[in-house]
Amino acid sequence: MANINLRRIGRRLKKAREAKHLTQEEVAELVDKSAAHIGLIERGERAPSLATFMDMTSVLEVTADAILCDVLLEKN
């Protein structure tokens, strides 16, 4: 199984949210999650489910590939 850099994903989602001038609370309401859950995702402490990820990219009007580019970590 691939190692994924969750922090990088979180940072990009946060940057997209901030570019839309949305708070975590507003995004949470739009994707039917708690603000705490959005915070965990943005800090890279939790991986979003595929459904939540797709909902977030839709709300933030950003493509999945823009968020996921170069997030795979090499195994040593």
C-alpha atoms as a PDB file:
ATOM      1  CA  MET A   1       0.000   0.000   0.000  1.00  0.00           C
ATOM      2  CA  ALA A   2       1.297   3.466  -0.884  1.00  0.00           C
ATOM      3  CA  ASN A   3       2.332   5.957   1.744  1.00  0.00           C
ATOM      4  CA  ILE A   4       0.495   9.229   1.233  1.00  0.00           C
ATOM      5  CA  ASN A   5       1.616  12.621   2.504  1.00  0.00           C
ATOM      6  CA  LEU A   6      -1.556  13.724   4.294  1.00  0.00           C
ATOM      7  CA  ARG A   7      -0.008  17.014   5.390  1.00  0.00           C
ATOM      8  CA  ARG A   8       0.540  18.042   1.783  1.00  0.00           C
ATOM      9  CA  ILE A   9      -3.079  17.206   0.937  1.00  0.00           C
ATOM     10  CA  GLY A  10      -4.284  19.123   3.976  1.00  0.00           C
ATOM     11  CA  ARG A  11      -2.183  22.183   3.176  1.00  0.00           C
ATOM     12  CA  ARG A  12      -3.520  22.290  -0.368  1.00  0.00           C
ATOM     13  CA  LEU A  13      -7.123  21.923   0.767  1.00  0.00           C
ATOM     14  CA  LYS A  14      -6.594  24.696   3.313  1.00  0.00           C
ATOM     15  CA  LYS A  15      -5.018  26.960   0.694  1.00  0.00           C
ATOM     16  CA  ALA A  16      -7.970  26.312  -1.660  1.00  0.00           C
ATOM     17  CA  ARG A  17     -10.425  27.053   1.179  1.00  0.00           C
ATOM     18  CA  GLU A  18      -8.666  30.295   2.042  1.00  0.00           C
ATOM     19  CA  ALA A  19      -8.608  31.319  -1.635  1.00  0.00           C
ATOM     20  CA  LYS A  20     -12.415  31.008  -1.618  1.00  0.00           C
ATOM     21  CA  HIS A  21     -12.562  33.077   1.613  1.00  0.00           C
ATOM     22  CA  LEU A  22     -14.348  30.261   3.422  1.00  0.00           C
ATOM     23  CA  THR A  23     -13.961  29.260   7.061  1.00  0.00           C
ATOM     24  CA  GLN A  24     -13.589  25.674   8.195  1.00  0.00           C
ATOM     25  CA  GLU A  25     -17.089  25.973   9.616  1.00  0.00           C
ATOM     26  CA  GLU A  26     -18.525  27.034   6.256  1.00  0.00           C
ATOM     27  CA  VAL A  27     -16.812  24.195   4.402  1.00  0.00           C
ATOM     28  CA  ALA A  28     -17.931  21.750   7.083  1.00  0.00           C
ATOM     29  CA  GLU A  29     -21.531  22.799   6.655  1.00  0.00           C
ATOM     30  CA  LEU A  30     -21.321  22.495   2.874  1.00  0.00           C
ATOM     31  CA  VAL A  31     -19.871  18.967   3.032  1.00  0.00           C
ATOM     32  CA  ASP A  32     -21.951  17.832   6.019  1.00  0.00           C
ATOM     33  CA  LYS A  33     -19.001  17.288   8.371  1.00  0.00           C
ATOM     34  CA  SER A  34     -17.893  18.985  11.581  1.00  0.00           C
ATOM     35  CA  ALA A  35     -15.436  21.863  11.588  1.00  0.00           C
ATOM     36  CA  ALA A  36     -13.208  19.732  13.825  1.00  0.00           C
ATOM     37  CA  HIS A  37     -13.170  17.028  11.133  1.00  0.00           C
ATOM     38  CA  ILE A  38     -12.178  19.573   8.474  1.00  0.00           C
ATOM     39  CA  GLY A  39      -9.427  20.800  10.781  1.00  0.00           C
ATOM     40  CA  LEU A  40      -8.054  17.279  11.196  1.00  0.00           C
ATOM     41  CA  ILE A  41      -7.960  16.855   7.420  1.00  0.00           C
ATOM     42  CA  GLU A  42      -6.287  20.229   6.865  1.00  0.00           C
ATOM     43  CA  ARG A  43      -3.614  19.441   9.469  1.00  0.00           C
ATOM     44  CA  GLY A  44      -2.932  16.080   7.849  1.00  0.00           C
ATOM     45  CA  GLU A  45      -4.022  14.198  10.954  1.00  0.00           C
ATOM     46  CA  ARG A  46      -6.824  12.335   9.201  1.00  0.00           C
ATOM     47  CA  ALA A  47      -7.316  11.139   5.652  1.00  0.00           C
ATOM     48  CA  PRO A  48     -10.646  12.175   4.187  1.00  0.00           C
ATOM     49  CA  SER A  49     -12.895   9.481   2.817  1.00  0.00           C
ATOM     50  CA  LEU A  50     -13.161   9.517  -0.953  1.00  0.00           C
ATOM     51  CA  ALA A  51     -16.682  10.967  -0.704  1.00  0.00           C
ATOM     52  CA  THR A  52     -15.566  13.749   1.653  1.00  0.00           C
ATOM     53  CA  PHE A  53     -12.537  14.484  -0.518  1.00  0.00           C
ATOM     54  CA  MET A  54     -14.691  14.773  -3.631  1.00  0.00           C
ATOM     55  CA  ASP A  55     -17.229  16.943  -1.802  1.00  0.00           C
ATOM     56  CA  MET A  56     -14.448  19.244  -0.610  1.00  0.00           C
ATOM     57  CA  THR A  57     -12.858  19.576  -4.045  1.00  0.00           C
ATOM     58  CA  SER A  58     -16.270  20.353  -5.512  1.00  0.00           C
ATOM     59  CA  VAL A  59     -17.075  23.007  -2.908  1.00  0.00           C
ATOM     60  CA  LEU A  60     -13.604  24.522  -3.217  1.00  0.00           C
ATOM     61  CA  GLU A  61     -13.735  24.362  -7.026  1.00  0.00           C
ATOM     62  CA  VAL A  62     -10.358  22.670  -7.291  1.00  0.00           C
ATOM     63  CA  THR A  63      -9.444  19.525  -9.173  1.00  0.00           C
ATOM     64  CA  ALA A  64      -8.454  16.335  -7.420  1.00  0.00           C
ATOM     65  CA  ASP A  65      -5.208  16.189  -9.397  1.00  0.00           C
ATOM     66  CA  ALA A  66      -4.254  19.672  -8.165  1.00  0.00           C
ATOM     67  CA  ILE A  67      -4.594  18.430  -4.593  1.00  0.00           C
ATOM     68  CA  LEU A  68      -3.077  14.964  -5.107  1.00  0.00           C
ATOM     69  CA  CYS A  69      -0.089  15.741  -7.314  1.00  0.00           C
ATOM     70  CA  ASP A  70       3.155  14.466  -5.763  1.00  0.00           C
ATOM     71  CA  VAL A  71       1.634  13.221  -2.491  1.00  0.00           C
ATOM     72  CA  LEU A  72       2.973   9.670  -2.674  1.00  0.00           C
ATOM     73  CA  LEU A  73       5.934   9.034  -0.390  1.00  0.00           C
ATOM     74  CA  GLU A  74       8.612   6.618  -1.488  1.00  0.00           C
ATOM     75  CA  LYS A  75       9.068   3.520   0.610  1.00  0.00           C
ATOM     76  CA  ASN A  76      12.576   3.008   1.914  1.00  0.00           C
END
